[in-house]
């Protein structure tokens, strides 16, 4: 996995890293040697010149991300699915998981209003 993350970074994929970086491999075969490699790879990310975003509190960070459509409150009865179309437009399907009539309030940002 560590090598795959570096490979993604080499292809200019922006990476968001949350929580503690891994330092163990998932198996026992050559685990001491491989765990040293994993530690070396992830330690190198911290000093790499490419853009990585290290986030301690994902929920707090995600609240600050500008979204085209957002809920004004947390609704635990809503399921949703998003489709990005070939022309860049977005379809967002929302459905109520309960048998009761519910009301929700959505907020559209400027980008969403221009489409």
N, C-alpha and C. Protein backbone atom coordinates (compact mmCIF):
# COMPACT_ATOMS: atom_id res chain seq x y z
N UNK A 1 0.81 -1.19 0.00
CA UNK A 1 0.00 0.00 0.00
C UNK A 1 0.87 1.26 0.00
N UNK A 2 1.92 1.26 0.77
CA UNK A 2 2.79 2.44 0.84
C UNK A 2 3.37 2.76 -0.53
N UNK A 3 3.81 1.73 -1.25
CA UNK A 3 4.37 1.95 -2.59
C UNK A 3 3.29 2.50 -3.53
N UNK A 4 2.06 2.03 -3.38
CA UNK A 4 0.96 2.51 -4.24
C UNK A 4 0.67 3.99 -3.97
N UNK A 5 0.74 4.40 -2.73
CA UNK A 5 0.52 5.81 -2.40
C UNK A 5 1.59 6.68 -3.04
N UNK A 6 2.84 6.25 -2.97
CA UNK A 6 3.92 7.00 -3.63
C UNK A 6 3.71 7.02 -5.13
N UNK A 7 3.27 5.91 -5.71
CA UNK A 7 3.00 5.84 -7.14
C UNK A 7 1.90 6.85 -7.52
N UNK A 8 0.85 6.93 -6.72
CA UNK A 8 -0.20 7.91 -6.99
C UNK A 8 0.35 9.33 -6.94
N UNK A 9 1.17 9.60 -5.94
CA UNK A 9 1.77 10.93 -5.82
C UNK A 9 2.66 11.23 -7.02
N UNK A 10 3.38 10.23 -7.51
CA UNK A 10 4.23 10.41 -8.69
C UNK A 10 3.41 10.77 -9.92
N UNK A 11 2.13 10.41 -9.91
CA UNK A 11 1.24 10.73 -11.03
C UNK A 11 0.37 11.96 -10.70
N UNK A 12 0.86 12.79 -9.79
CA UNK A 12 0.23 14.08 -9.43
C UNK A 12 -1.16 13.96 -8.83
N UNK A 13 -1.44 12.83 -8.19
CA UNK A 13 -2.70 12.69 -7.46
C UNK A 13 -2.53 13.41 -6.12
N UNK A 14 -3.47 14.29 -5.79
CA UNK A 14 -3.40 14.98 -4.50
C UNK A 14 -3.88 14.02 -3.42
N UNK A 15 -3.10 13.92 -2.36
CA UNK A 15 -3.40 12.96 -1.31
C UNK A 15 -3.82 13.66 -0.03
N UNK A 16 -4.85 13.14 0.59
CA UNK A 16 -5.29 13.57 1.90
C UNK A 16 -5.02 12.41 2.85
N UNK A 17 -4.21 12.65 3.86
CA UNK A 17 -3.84 11.60 4.80
C UNK A 17 -4.46 11.93 6.15
N UNK A 18 -5.20 10.98 6.69
CA UNK A 18 -5.96 11.20 7.92
C UNK A 18 -5.51 10.22 8.99
N UNK A 19 -5.25 10.74 10.17
CA UNK A 19 -4.89 9.87 11.29
C UNK A 19 -3.43 9.46 11.25
N UNK A 20 -3.14 8.44 12.02
CA UNK A 20 -1.77 7.94 12.10
C UNK A 20 -1.39 7.25 10.79
N UNK A 21 -0.18 7.49 10.34
CA UNK A 21 0.29 6.79 9.14
C UNK A 21 0.61 5.35 9.49
N UNK A 22 0.34 4.42 8.59
CA UNK A 22 0.62 3.00 8.87
C UNK A 22 2.11 2.77 9.10
N UNK A 23 2.40 1.82 9.98
CA UNK A 23 3.80 1.44 10.19
C UNK A 23 3.96 -0.07 10.27
N UNK A 24 2.88 -0.79 9.97
CA UNK A 24 2.93 -2.25 10.00
C UNK A 24 2.38 -2.81 8.70
N UNK A 25 2.89 -3.95 8.32
CA UNK A 25 2.36 -4.63 7.13
C UNK A 25 1.31 -5.63 7.58
N UNK A 26 0.41 -6.04 6.68
CA UNK A 26 -0.69 -6.91 7.08
C UNK A 26 -0.33 -8.40 7.18
N UNK A 27 0.91 -8.79 6.94
CA UNK A 27 1.26 -10.21 7.00
C UNK A 27 2.54 -10.44 7.80
N UNK A 28 2.96 -11.71 7.88
CA UNK A 28 4.14 -12.05 8.67
C UNK A 28 5.38 -12.28 7.82
N UNK A 29 5.24 -12.51 6.53
CA UNK A 29 6.37 -12.81 5.66
C UNK A 29 7.32 -11.61 5.61
N UNK A 30 8.52 -11.78 6.09
CA UNK A 30 9.54 -10.72 6.13
C UNK A 30 9.03 -9.44 6.79
N UNK A 31 8.23 -9.60 7.82
CA UNK A 31 7.56 -8.43 8.39
C UNK A 31 8.53 -7.40 8.97
N UNK A 32 9.62 -7.82 9.59
CA UNK A 32 10.54 -6.84 10.17
C UNK A 32 11.16 -5.95 9.10
N UNK A 33 11.60 -6.58 8.03
CA UNK A 33 12.21 -5.84 6.92
C UNK A 33 11.17 -4.95 6.23
N UNK A 34 9.98 -5.50 5.99
CA UNK A 34 8.95 -4.74 5.28
C UNK A 34 8.39 -3.59 6.12
N UNK A 35 8.32 -3.78 7.44
CA UNK A 35 7.84 -2.69 8.28
C UNK A 35 8.83 -1.53 8.31
N UNK A 36 10.11 -1.83 8.19
CA UNK A 36 11.11 -0.77 8.10
C UNK A 36 10.92 0.01 6.80
N UNK A 37 10.63 -0.72 5.71
CA UNK A 37 10.38 -0.06 4.42
C UNK A 37 9.15 0.84 4.50
N UNK A 38 8.08 0.31 5.10
CA UNK A 38 6.84 1.08 5.22
C UNK A 38 7.08 2.35 6.01
N UNK A 39 7.77 2.23 7.13
CA UNK A 39 8.06 3.40 7.96
C UNK A 39 8.89 4.41 7.18
N UNK A 40 9.88 3.95 6.44
CA UNK A 40 10.74 4.84 5.65
C UNK A 40 9.91 5.56 4.57
N UNK A 41 9.01 4.82 3.91
CA UNK A 41 8.19 5.43 2.85
C UNK A 41 7.28 6.50 3.43
N UNK A 42 6.58 6.18 4.51
CA UNK A 42 5.64 7.16 5.07
C UNK A 42 6.36 8.32 5.74
N UNK A 43 7.51 8.07 6.33
CA UNK A 43 8.30 9.18 6.89
C UNK A 43 8.74 10.13 5.78
N UNK A 44 9.04 9.57 4.60
CA UNK A 44 9.48 10.42 3.49
C UNK A 44 8.35 11.33 3.00
N UNK A 45 7.09 10.90 3.17
CA UNK A 45 5.95 11.75 2.76
C UNK A 45 5.94 13.06 3.53
N UNK A 46 6.31 13.00 4.80
CA UNK A 46 6.27 14.20 5.63
C UNK A 46 7.27 15.26 5.16
N UNK A 47 8.32 14.83 4.47
CA UNK A 47 9.37 15.76 4.03
C UNK A 47 9.40 15.93 2.52
N UNK A 48 8.39 15.40 1.86
CA UNK A 48 8.31 15.43 0.40
C UNK A 48 7.88 16.82 -0.06
N UNK A 49 8.32 17.24 -1.22
CA UNK A 49 7.97 18.57 -1.75
C UNK A 49 6.61 18.58 -2.42
N UNK A 50 6.07 17.42 -2.73
CA UNK A 50 4.75 17.38 -3.35
C UNK A 50 3.68 17.77 -2.33
N UNK A 51 2.48 18.03 -2.83
CA UNK A 51 1.40 18.45 -1.94
C UNK A 51 0.72 17.26 -1.29
N UNK A 52 0.76 17.21 0.00
CA UNK A 52 0.00 16.25 0.78
C UNK A 52 -0.74 17.05 1.83
N UNK A 53 -1.91 16.61 2.17
CA UNK A 53 -2.66 17.27 3.22
C UNK A 53 -2.83 16.28 4.35
N UNK A 54 -2.24 16.59 5.48
CA UNK A 54 -2.37 15.76 6.68
C UNK A 54 -3.48 16.35 7.54
N UNK A 55 -4.48 15.55 7.86
CA UNK A 55 -5.65 16.02 8.58
C UNK A 55 -5.81 15.20 9.85
N UNK A 56 -5.91 15.89 10.99
CA UNK A 56 -6.14 15.19 12.26
C UNK A 56 -7.62 14.92 12.48
N UNK A 57 -8.45 15.91 12.22
CA UNK A 57 -9.88 15.78 12.43
C UNK A 57 -10.59 15.88 11.08
N UNK A 58 -10.91 14.75 10.48
CA UNK A 58 -11.48 14.73 9.13
C UNK A 58 -12.82 15.45 9.07
N UNK A 59 -13.70 15.21 10.03
CA UNK A 59 -15.02 15.84 10.00
C UNK A 59 -14.92 17.36 10.04
N UNK A 60 -14.03 17.87 10.88
CA UNK A 60 -13.83 19.32 10.98
C UNK A 60 -13.27 19.87 9.67
N UNK A 61 -12.31 19.17 9.07
CA UNK A 61 -11.74 19.59 7.79
C UNK A 61 -12.80 19.57 6.70
N UNK A 62 -13.59 18.50 6.64
CA UNK A 62 -14.58 18.32 5.58
C UNK A 62 -15.66 19.40 5.64
N UNK A 63 -15.99 19.87 6.83
CA UNK A 63 -16.98 20.94 6.96
C UNK A 63 -16.53 22.20 6.23
N UNK A 64 -15.22 22.42 6.13
CA UNK A 64 -14.68 23.63 5.49
C UNK A 64 -14.58 23.51 3.97
N UNK A 65 -14.74 22.31 3.44
CA UNK A 65 -14.64 22.09 1.99
C UNK A 65 -15.89 22.65 1.33
N UNK A 66 -15.67 23.46 0.28
CA UNK A 66 -16.82 24.01 -0.44
C UNK A 66 -17.47 22.93 -1.27
N UNK A 67 -18.76 22.75 -1.05
CA UNK A 67 -19.52 21.73 -1.77
C UNK A 67 -20.59 22.42 -2.61
N UNK A 68 -20.85 21.93 -3.81
CA UNK A 68 -21.87 22.58 -4.65
C UNK A 68 -23.26 22.56 -4.00
N UNK A 69 -23.58 21.45 -3.34
CA UNK A 69 -24.86 21.32 -2.65
C UNK A 69 -24.57 20.79 -1.26
N UNK A 70 -25.14 21.42 -0.25
CA UNK A 70 -24.92 20.93 1.11
C UNK A 70 -26.23 20.98 1.88
N UNK A 71 -26.33 20.13 2.87
CA UNK A 71 -27.48 20.13 3.77
C UNK A 71 -27.26 21.22 4.82
N UNK A 72 -28.31 21.93 5.19
CA UNK A 72 -28.16 22.94 6.23
C UNK A 72 -28.09 22.31 7.61
N UNK A 73 -28.56 21.09 7.75
CA UNK A 73 -28.50 20.36 9.01
C UNK A 73 -28.05 18.93 8.72
N UNK A 74 -27.81 18.16 9.78
CA UNK A 74 -27.53 16.73 9.61
C UNK A 74 -28.87 16.00 9.61
N UNK A 75 -29.11 15.24 8.57
CA UNK A 75 -30.35 14.48 8.45
C UNK A 75 -29.99 13.00 8.44
N UNK A 76 -30.34 12.30 9.50
CA UNK A 76 -29.98 10.88 9.58
C UNK A 76 -30.94 9.97 8.82
N UNK A 77 -32.00 10.52 8.25
CA UNK A 77 -32.97 9.71 7.51
C UNK A 77 -32.76 9.78 6.00
N UNK A 78 -31.76 10.52 5.55
CA UNK A 78 -31.52 10.72 4.12
C UNK A 78 -30.41 9.81 3.62
N UNK A 79 -30.63 9.20 2.48
CA UNK A 79 -29.58 8.53 1.71
C UNK A 79 -29.39 9.36 0.46
N UNK A 80 -28.18 9.41 -0.05
CA UNK A 80 -27.98 10.14 -1.29
C UNK A 80 -26.88 9.50 -2.13
N UNK A 81 -26.96 9.78 -3.40
CA UNK A 81 -25.96 9.29 -4.35
C UNK A 81 -25.71 10.40 -5.36
N UNK A 82 -24.45 10.55 -5.75
CA UNK A 82 -24.06 11.62 -6.67
C UNK A 82 -23.50 11.01 -7.94
N UNK A 83 -23.87 11.57 -9.06
CA UNK A 83 -23.33 11.18 -10.36
C UNK A 83 -22.79 12.43 -11.04
N UNK A 84 -21.52 12.39 -11.45
CA UNK A 84 -20.94 13.47 -12.23
C UNK A 84 -21.05 13.05 -13.70
N UNK A 85 -21.68 13.86 -14.49
CA UNK A 85 -21.93 13.55 -15.89
C UNK A 85 -20.72 13.96 -16.75
N UNK A 86 -20.68 13.46 -17.97
CA UNK A 86 -19.57 13.72 -18.89
C UNK A 86 -19.38 15.21 -19.14
N UNK A 87 -20.46 15.98 -19.12
CA UNK A 87 -20.35 17.42 -19.37
C UNK A 87 -19.99 18.21 -18.11
N UNK A 88 -19.74 17.51 -17.01
CA UNK A 88 -19.36 18.18 -15.77
C UNK A 88 -20.54 18.49 -14.86
N UNK A 89 -21.75 18.30 -15.35
CA UNK A 89 -22.91 18.54 -14.50
C UNK A 89 -23.03 17.43 -13.47
N UNK A 90 -23.83 17.70 -12.45
CA UNK A 90 -23.96 16.74 -11.36
C UNK A 90 -25.43 16.41 -11.13
N UNK A 91 -25.69 15.13 -10.96
CA UNK A 91 -27.01 14.68 -10.53
C UNK A 91 -26.86 14.17 -9.11
N UNK A 92 -27.74 14.62 -8.24
CA UNK A 92 -27.70 14.16 -6.86
C UNK A 92 -29.07 13.59 -6.52
N UNK A 93 -29.11 12.30 -6.22
CA UNK A 93 -30.35 11.62 -5.88
C UNK A 93 -30.47 11.56 -4.36
N UNK A 94 -31.60 11.98 -3.84
CA UNK A 94 -31.86 11.95 -2.41
C UNK A 94 -33.12 11.13 -2.16
N UNK A 95 -33.12 10.35 -1.09
CA UNK A 95 -34.34 9.66 -0.73
C UNK A 95 -34.47 9.50 0.78
N UNK A 96 -35.71 9.50 1.20
CA UNK A 96 -36.09 9.40 2.60
C UNK A 96 -36.15 7.91 2.96
N UNK A 97 -35.45 7.52 4.00
CA UNK A 97 -35.42 6.11 4.40
C UNK A 97 -36.56 5.74 5.36
N UNK A 98 -37.37 6.70 5.73
CA UNK A 98 -38.43 6.42 6.68
C UNK A 98 -39.78 6.36 5.98
N UNK A 99 -40.81 5.98 6.73
CA UNK A 99 -42.18 5.97 6.21
C UNK A 99 -42.89 7.30 6.50
N UNK A 100 -42.18 8.21 7.15
CA UNK A 100 -42.78 9.48 7.54
C UNK A 100 -42.43 10.57 6.53
N UNK A 101 -43.31 11.56 6.44
CA UNK A 101 -43.03 12.73 5.61
C UNK A 101 -41.99 13.57 6.33
N UNK A 102 -40.92 13.95 5.63
CA UNK A 102 -39.83 14.74 6.22
C UNK A 102 -39.55 15.94 5.33
N UNK A 103 -39.01 16.98 5.92
CA UNK A 103 -38.61 18.18 5.18
C UNK A 103 -37.11 18.38 5.37
N UNK A 104 -36.43 18.72 4.29
CA UNK A 104 -35.00 19.02 4.37
C UNK A 104 -34.75 20.39 3.73
N UNK A 105 -33.64 20.99 4.10
CA UNK A 105 -33.25 22.26 3.50
C UNK A 105 -31.85 22.09 2.91
N UNK A 106 -31.73 22.42 1.62
CA UNK A 106 -30.45 22.34 0.93
C UNK A 106 -29.94 23.73 0.64
N UNK A 107 -28.64 23.85 0.56
CA UNK A 107 -28.01 25.12 0.22
C UNK A 107 -27.17 24.89 -1.04
N UNK A 108 -27.36 25.75 -2.05
CA UNK A 108 -26.59 25.66 -3.29
C UNK A 108 -25.55 26.77 -3.29
N UNK A 109 -24.29 26.41 -3.65
CA UNK A 109 -23.29 27.47 -3.74
C UNK A 109 -23.36 28.13 -5.11
N UNK A 110 -22.57 29.17 -5.34
CA UNK A 110 -22.63 29.94 -6.58
C UNK A 110 -22.37 29.07 -7.80
N UNK A 111 -21.42 28.13 -7.69
CA UNK A 111 -21.12 27.26 -8.83
C UNK A 111 -22.33 26.43 -9.22
N UNK A 112 -23.03 25.89 -8.26
CA UNK A 112 -24.21 25.06 -8.53
C UNK A 112 -25.32 25.90 -9.15
N UNK A 113 -25.45 27.14 -8.72
CA UNK A 113 -26.51 27.99 -9.24
C UNK A 113 -26.26 28.40 -10.70
N UNK A 114 -25.00 28.39 -11.13
CA UNK A 114 -24.67 28.77 -12.50
C UNK A 114 -24.82 27.64 -13.50
N UNK A 115 -25.21 26.48 -13.05
CA UNK A 115 -25.35 25.33 -13.97
C UNK A 115 -26.78 24.98 -14.15
